[in-house]
PDB file of all heavy atoms in Angstrom:
ATOM      1  N   PRO A   1     -61.595  65.314  17.346  1.00  0.00           N
ATOM      2  CA  PRO A   1     -61.291  65.392  15.872  1.00  0.00           C
ATOM      3  C   PRO A   1     -60.353  64.355  15.396  1.00  0.00           C
ATOM      4  O   PRO A   1     -60.359  63.989  14.188  1.00  0.00           O
ATOM      5  CB  PRO A   1     -60.480  66.771  15.755  1.00  0.00           C
ATOM      6  CG  PRO A   1     -60.956  67.598  16.967  1.00  0.00           C
ATOM      7  CD  PRO A   1     -61.152  66.509  17.949  1.00  0.00           C
ATOM      8  N   GLU A   2     -59.506  63.795  16.239  1.00  0.00           N
ATOM      9  CA  GLU A   2     -58.641  62.652  15.828  1.00  0.00           C
ATOM     10  C   GLU A   2     -59.486  61.476  15.453  1.00  0.00           C
ATOM     11  O   GLU A   2     -58.994  60.508  14.740  1.00  0.00           O
ATOM     12  CB  GLU A   2     -57.730  62.295  17.002  1.00  0.00           C
ATOM     13  CG  GLU A   2     -56.603  63.324  17.265  1.00  0.00           C
ATOM     14  CD  GLU A   2     -57.148  64.572  17.944  1.00  0.00           C
ATOM     15  OE1 GLU A   2     -58.279  64.495  18.557  1.00  0.00           O
ATOM     16  OE2 GLU A   2     -56.537  65.751  17.892  1.00  0.00           O
ATOM     17  N   GLU A   3     -60.699  61.340  15.980  1.00  0.00           N
ATOM     18  CA  GLU A   3     -61.514  60.224  15.708  1.00  0.00           C
ATOM     19  C   GLU A   3     -62.776  60.644  14.761  1.00  0.00           C
ATOM     20  O   GLU A   3     -63.265  59.731  14.112  1.00  0.00           O
ATOM     21  CB  GLU A   3     -62.054  59.673  16.943  1.00  0.00           C
ATOM     22  CG  GLU A   3     -61.030  59.228  18.040  1.00  0.00           C
ATOM     23  CD  GLU A   3     -61.556  58.915  19.316  1.00  0.00           C
ATOM     24  OE1 GLU A   3     -62.902  58.809  19.509  1.00  0.00           O
ATOM     25  OE2 GLU A   3     -60.850  58.801  20.244  1.00  0.00           O
ATOM     26  N   GLU A   4     -63.131  61.810  14.728  1.00  0.00           N
ATOM     27  CA  GLU A   4     -64.327  62.225  14.020  1.00  0.00           C
ATOM     28  C   GLU A   4     -63.934  63.337  13.024  1.00  0.00           C
ATOM     29  O   GLU A   4     -63.205  64.182  13.336  1.00  0.00           O
ATOM     30  CB  GLU A   4     -65.358  62.791  15.005  1.00  0.00           C
ATOM     31  CG  GLU A   4     -65.820  61.904  16.077  1.00  0.00           C
ATOM     32  CD  GLU A   4     -66.545  62.563  17.130  1.00  0.00           C
ATOM     33  OE1 GLU A   4     -66.021  63.340  17.883  1.00  0.00           O
ATOM     34  OE2 GLU A   4     -67.803  62.126  17.258  1.00  0.00           O
ATOM     35  N   THR A   5     -64.411  63.298  11.744  1.00  0.00           N
ATOM     36  CA  THR A   5     -64.150  64.194  10.809  1.00  0.00           C
ATOM     37  C   THR A   5     -64.944  65.503  10.861  1.00  0.00           C
ATOM     38  O   THR A   5     -66.108  65.406  11.359  1.00  0.00           O
ATOM     39  CB  THR A   5     -64.301  63.590   9.375  1.00  0.00           C
ATOM     40  OG1 THR A   5     -65.766  63.280   9.187  1.00  0.00           O
ATOM     41  CG2 THR A   5     -63.500  62.243   9.264  1.00  0.00           C
ATOM     42  N   ALA A   6     -64.455  66.538  10.220  1.00  0.00           N
ATOM     43  CA  ALA A   6     -65.235  67.769  10.139  1.00  0.00           C
ATOM     44  C   ALA A   6     -66.556  67.523   9.409  1.00  0.00           C
ATOM     45  O   ALA A   6     -67.606  68.162   9.646  1.00  0.00           O
ATOM     46  CB  ALA A   6     -64.406  68.782   9.553  1.00  0.00           C
ATOM     47  N   GLU A   7     -66.507  66.717   8.367  1.00  0.00           N
ATOM     48  CA  GLU A   7     -67.693  66.372   7.501  1.00  0.00           C
ATOM     49  C   GLU A   7     -68.732  65.777   8.329  1.00  0.00           C
ATOM     50  O   GLU A   7     -69.941  66.156   8.341  1.00  0.00           O
ATOM     51  CB  GLU A   7     -67.350  65.656   6.273  1.00  0.00           C
ATOM     52  CG  GLU A   7     -68.550  65.275   5.386  1.00  0.00           C
ATOM     53  CD  GLU A   7     -68.191  64.568   4.191  1.00  0.00           C
ATOM     54  OE1 GLU A   7     -66.983  64.137   4.029  1.00  0.00           O
ATOM     55  OE2 GLU A   7     -69.005  64.287   3.422  1.00  0.00           O
ATOM     56  N   ARG A   8     -68.342  64.856   9.191  1.00  0.00           N
ATOM     57  CA  ARG A   8     -69.336  64.167  10.073  1.00  0.00           C
ATOM     58  C   ARG A   8     -69.971  65.163  11.054  1.00  0.00           C
ATOM     59  O   ARG A   8     -71.234  64.991  11.265  1.00  0.00           O
ATOM     60  CB  ARG A   8     -68.576  63.021  10.859  1.00  0.00           C
ATOM     61  CG  ARG A   8     -69.453  62.243  11.743  1.00  0.00           C
ATOM     62  CD  ARG A   8     -68.611  60.980  12.326  1.00  0.00           C
ATOM     63  NE  ARG A   8     -69.346  60.194  13.241  1.00  0.00           N
ATOM     64  CZ  ARG A   8     -68.937  59.249  13.965  1.00  0.00           C
ATOM     65  NH1 ARG A   8     -67.609  59.003  13.932  1.00  0.00           N
ATOM     66  NH2 ARG A   8     -69.632  58.534  14.690  1.00  0.00           N
ATOM     67  N   TRP A   9     -69.182  66.044  11.600  1.00  0.00           N
ATOM     68  CA  TRP A   9     -69.661  66.947  12.548  1.00  0.00           C
ATOM     69  C   TRP A   9     -70.641  68.058  11.828  1.00  0.00           C
ATOM     70  O   TRP A   9     -71.616  68.428  12.396  1.00  0.00           O
ATOM     71  CB  TRP A   9     -68.585  67.696  13.317  1.00  0.00           C
ATOM     72  CG  TRP A   9     -68.454  67.038  14.622  1.00  0.00           C
ATOM     73  CD1 TRP A   9     -67.570  65.995  14.902  1.00  0.00           C
ATOM     74  CD2 TRP A   9     -69.136  67.229  15.824  1.00  0.00           C
ATOM     75  NE1 TRP A   9     -67.813  65.634  16.217  1.00  0.00           N
ATOM     76  CE2 TRP A   9     -68.658  66.342  16.835  1.00  0.00           C
ATOM     77  CE3 TRP A   9     -70.050  68.235  16.227  1.00  0.00           C
ATOM     78  CZ2 TRP A   9     -69.205  66.369  18.042  1.00  0.00           C
ATOM     79  CZ3 TRP A   9     -70.652  68.287  17.545  1.00  0.00           C
ATOM     80  CH2 TRP A   9     -70.076  67.322  18.427  1.00  0.00           C
ATOM     81  N   ALA A  10     -70.257  68.413  10.638  1.00  0.00           N
ATOM     82  CA  ALA A  10     -71.140  69.311   9.832  1.00  0.00           C
ATOM     83  C   ALA A  10     -72.461  68.715   9.667  1.00  0.00           C
ATOM     84  O   ALA A  10     -73.491  69.304   9.784  1.00  0.00           O
ATOM     85  CB  ALA A  10     -70.434  69.637   8.523  1.00  0.00           C
ATOM     86  N   LYS A  11     -72.499  67.432   9.277  1.00  0.00           N
ATOM     87  CA  LYS A  11     -73.842  66.682   9.130  1.00  0.00           C
ATOM     88  C   LYS A  11     -74.545  66.758  10.490  1.00  0.00           C
ATOM     89  O   LYS A  11     -75.761  66.964  10.505  1.00  0.00           O
ATOM     90  CB  LYS A  11     -73.609  65.281   8.689  1.00  0.00           C
ATOM     91  CG  LYS A  11     -72.995  65.197   7.196  1.00  0.00           C
ATOM     92  CD  LYS A  11     -74.139  65.410   6.225  1.00  0.00           C
ATOM     93  CE  LYS A  11     -73.639  65.252   4.773  1.00  0.00           C
ATOM     94  NZ  LYS A  11     -74.608  65.455   3.729  1.00  0.00           N
ATOM     95  N   LYS A  12     -73.847  66.340  11.502  1.00  0.00           N
ATOM     96  CA  LYS A  12     -74.487  66.167  12.823  1.00  0.00           C
ATOM     97  C   LYS A  12     -75.072  67.606  13.398  1.00  0.00           C
ATOM     98  O   LYS A  12     -76.124  67.504  13.923  1.00  0.00           O
ATOM     99  CB  LYS A  12     -73.475  65.656  13.802  1.00  0.00           C
ATOM    100  CG  LYS A  12     -73.897  65.471  15.199  1.00  0.00           C
ATOM    101  CD  LYS A  12     -72.787  64.888  16.107  1.00  0.00           C
ATOM    102  CE  LYS A  12     -73.133  64.667  17.474  1.00  0.00           C
ATOM    103  NZ  LYS A  12     -72.016  64.001  18.223  1.00  0.00           N
ATOM    104  N   LEU A  13     -74.337  68.647  12.939  1.00  0.00           N
ATOM    105  CA  LEU A  13     -74.883  70.010  13.476  1.00  0.00           C
ATOM    106  C   LEU A  13     -76.055  70.458  12.545  1.00  0.00           C
ATOM    107  O   LEU A  13     -76.873  71.133  13.090  1.00  0.00           O
ATOM    108  CB  LEU A  13     -73.688  71.027  13.414  1.00  0.00           C
ATOM    109  CG  LEU A  13     -72.562  70.819  14.421  1.00  0.00           C
ATOM    110  CD1 LEU A  13     -71.366  71.632  14.109  1.00  0.00           C
ATOM    111  CD2 LEU A  13     -73.178  71.236  15.859  1.00  0.00           C
ATOM    112  N   CYS A  14     -75.938  70.014  11.297  1.00  0.00           N
ATOM    113  CA  CYS A  14     -77.118  70.622  10.364  1.00  0.00           C
ATOM    114  C   CYS A  14     -78.433  69.949  10.454  1.00  0.00           C
ATOM    115  O   CYS A  14     -79.421  70.549  10.131  1.00  0.00           O
ATOM    116  CB  CYS A  14     -76.555  70.730   9.010  1.00  0.00           C
ATOM    117  SG  CYS A  14     -75.087  71.808   8.747  1.00  0.00           S
ATOM    118  N   LEU A  15     -78.398  68.583  10.774  1.00  0.00           N
ATOM    119  CA  LEU A  15     -79.698  67.858  10.652  1.00  0.00           C
ATOM    120  C   LEU A  15     -80.243  67.915  12.089  1.00  0.00           C
ATOM    121  O   LEU A  15     -79.669  67.267  13.020  1.00  0.00           O
ATOM    122  CB  LEU A  15     -79.373  66.439  10.197  1.00  0.00           C
ATOM    123  CG  LEU A  15     -78.863  66.372   8.743  1.00  0.00           C
ATOM    124  CD1 LEU A  15     -78.591  64.935   8.478  1.00  0.00           C
ATOM    125  CD2 LEU A  15     -79.948  66.884   7.814  1.00  0.00           C
ATOM    126  N   ARG A  16     -81.302  68.420  12.301  1.00  0.00           N
ATOM    127  CA  ARG A  16     -81.949  68.545  13.537  1.00  0.00           C
ATOM    128  C   ARG A  16     -82.337  67.180  14.119  1.00  0.00           C
ATOM    129  O   ARG A  16     -82.886  66.371  13.370  1.00  0.00           O
ATOM    130  CB  ARG A  16     -83.220  69.482  13.551  1.00  0.00           C
ATOM    131  CG  ARG A  16     -83.939  69.700  14.862  1.00  0.00           C
ATOM    132  CD  ARG A  16     -85.208  70.605  14.667  1.00  0.00           C
ATOM    133  NE  ARG A  16     -84.715  71.921  14.128  1.00  0.00           N
ATOM    134  CZ  ARG A  16     -85.675  72.873  13.734  1.00  0.00           C
ATOM    135  NH1 ARG A  16     -87.003  72.544  13.869  1.00  0.00           N
ATOM    136  NH2 ARG A  16     -85.150  74.022  13.206  1.00  0.00           N
ATOM    137  N   GLY A  17     -82.040  66.939  15.361  1.00  0.00           N
ATOM    138  CA  GLY A  17     -82.316  65.682  15.965  1.00  0.00           C
ATOM    139  C   GLY A  17     -81.278  64.639  15.818  1.00  0.00           C
ATOM    140  O   GLY A  17     -81.390  63.498  16.503  1.00  0.00           O
ATOM    141  N   VAL A  18     -80.320  64.832  14.980  1.00  0.00           N
ATOM    142  CA  VAL A  18     -79.209  63.840  14.736  1.00  0.00           C
ATOM    143  C   VAL A  18     -78.276  63.851  15.920  1.00  0.00           C
ATOM    144  O   VAL A  18     -77.731  64.929  16.221  1.00  0.00           O
ATOM    145  CB  VAL A  18     -78.629  63.985  13.400  1.00  0.00           C
ATOM    146  CG1 VAL A  18     -77.524  63.044  13.257  1.00  0.00           C
ATOM    147  CG2 VAL A  18     -79.641  63.842  12.320  1.00  0.00           C
ATOM    148  N   VAL A  19     -78.111  62.649  16.566  1.00  0.00           N
ATOM    149  CA  VAL A  19     -77.144  62.496  17.625  1.00  0.00           C
ATOM    150  C   VAL A  19     -75.725  62.211  17.083  1.00  0.00           C
ATOM    151  O   VAL A  19     -74.787  62.728  17.479  1.00  0.00           O
ATOM    152  CB  VAL A  19     -77.528  61.429  18.521  1.00  0.00           C
ATOM    153  CG1 VAL A  19     -76.496  61.243  19.694  1.00  0.00           C
ATOM    154  CG2 VAL A  19     -78.915  61.767  19.181  1.00  0.00           C
ATOM    155  N   ASP A  20     -75.780  61.331  16.069  1.00  0.00           N
ATOM    156  CA  ASP A  20     -74.351  60.909  15.432  1.00  0.00           C
ATOM    157  C   ASP A  20     -74.656  60.361  14.030  1.00  0.00           C
ATOM    158  O   ASP A  20     -75.827  60.102  13.702  1.00  0.00           O
ATOM    159  CB  ASP A  20     -73.649  59.901  16.285  1.00  0.00           C
ATOM    160  CG  ASP A  20     -72.226  59.900  16.061  1.00  0.00           C
ATOM    161  OD1 ASP A  20     -71.706  60.582  15.158  1.00  0.00           O
ATOM    162  OD2 ASP A  20     -71.464  59.252  16.844  1.00  0.00           O
ATOM    163  N   SER A  21     -73.646  60.320  13.151  1.00  0.00           N
ATOM    164  CA  SER A  21     -73.859  59.835  11.844  1.00  0.00           C
ATOM    165  C   SER A  21     -72.469  59.061  11.345  1.00  0.00           C
ATOM    166  O   SER A  21     -71.487  59.337  11.838  1.00  0.00           O
ATOM    167  CB  SER A  21     -74.114  61.033  10.886  1.00  0.00           C
ATOM    168  OG  SER A  21     -73.047  61.809  10.831  1.00  0.00           O
ATOM    169  N   PHE A  22     -72.736  58.126  10.417  1.00  0.00           N
ATOM    170  CA  PHE A  22     -71.688  57.482   9.856  1.00  0.00           C
ATOM    171  C   PHE A  22     -72.044  57.261   8.333  1.00  0.00           C
ATOM    172  O   PHE A  22     -72.991  56.611   8.074  1.00  0.00           O
ATOM    173  CB  PHE A  22     -71.524  55.980  10.571  1.00  0.00           C
ATOM    174  CG  PHE A  22     -70.323  55.247   9.870  1.00  0.00           C
ATOM    175  CD1 PHE A  22     -69.054  55.620  10.057  1.00  0.00           C
ATOM    176  CD2 PHE A  22     -70.745  54.132   9.067  1.00  0.00           C
ATOM    177  CE1 PHE A  22     -68.046  54.823   9.421  1.00  0.00           C
ATOM    178  CE2 PHE A  22     -69.696  53.296   8.490  1.00  0.00           C
ATOM    179  CZ  PHE A  22     -68.436  53.738   8.692  1.00  0.00           C
ATOM    180  N   HIS A  23     -71.222  57.894   7.478  1.00  0.00           N
ATOM    181  CA  HIS A  23     -71.635  57.878   6.129  1.00  0.00           C
ATOM    182  C   HIS A  23     -70.765  56.769   5.415  1.00  0.00           C
ATOM    183  O   HIS A  23     -69.542  56.796   5.358  1.00  0.00           O
ATOM    184  CB  HIS A  23     -71.304  59.195   5.499  1.00  0.00           C
ATOM    185  CG  HIS A  23     -72.248  60.230   5.968  1.00  0.00           C
ATOM    186  ND1 HIS A  23     -73.396  60.669   5.272  1.00  0.00           N
ATOM    187  CD2 HIS A  23     -72.260  60.953   7.159  1.00  0.00           C
ATOM    188  CE1 HIS A  23     -74.049  61.478   5.996  1.00  0.00           C
ATOM    189  NE2 HIS A  23     -73.368  61.757   7.085  1.00  0.00           N
ATOM    190  N   LEU A  24     -71.592  55.734   4.837  1.00  0.00           N
ATOM    191  CA  LEU A  24     -71.022  54.692   4.134  1.00  0.00           C
ATOM    192  C   LEU A  24     -70.357  54.988   2.819  1.00  0.00           C
ATOM    193  O   LEU A  24     -69.322  54.451   2.466  1.00  0.00           O
ATOM    194  CB  LEU A  24     -72.054  53.450   4.076  1.00  0.00           C
ATOM    195  CG  LEU A  24     -72.540  53.054   5.326  1.00  0.00           C
ATOM    196  CD1 LEU A  24     -73.850  52.159   4.997  1.00  0.00           C
ATOM    197  CD2 LEU A  24     -71.640  52.450   6.300  1.00  0.00           C
ATOM    198  N   ASP A  25     -71.045  55.823   2.133  1.00  0.00           N
ATOM    199  CA  ASP A  25     -70.526  56.334   0.858  1.00  0.00           C
ATOM    200  C   ASP A  25     -71.324  57.688   0.653  1.00  0.00           C
ATOM    201  O   ASP A  25     -72.175  58.102   1.398  1.00  0.00           O
ATOM    202  CB  ASP A  25     -70.669  55.408  -0.297  1.00  0.00           C
ATOM    203  CG  ASP A  25     -72.163  55.049  -0.613  1.00  0.00           C
ATOM    204  OD1 ASP A  25     -73.047  55.803  -0.252  1.00  0.00           O
ATOM    205  OD2 ASP A  25     -72.372  54.027  -1.217  1.00  0.00           O
TER     206      ASP A  25
END
């Protein structure tokens, strides 16, 4: 959590097949 946000993990958990994500905007 110190490096990854809850929003990033919510996206990662909800989109099937997604390993990781980085949202630019």
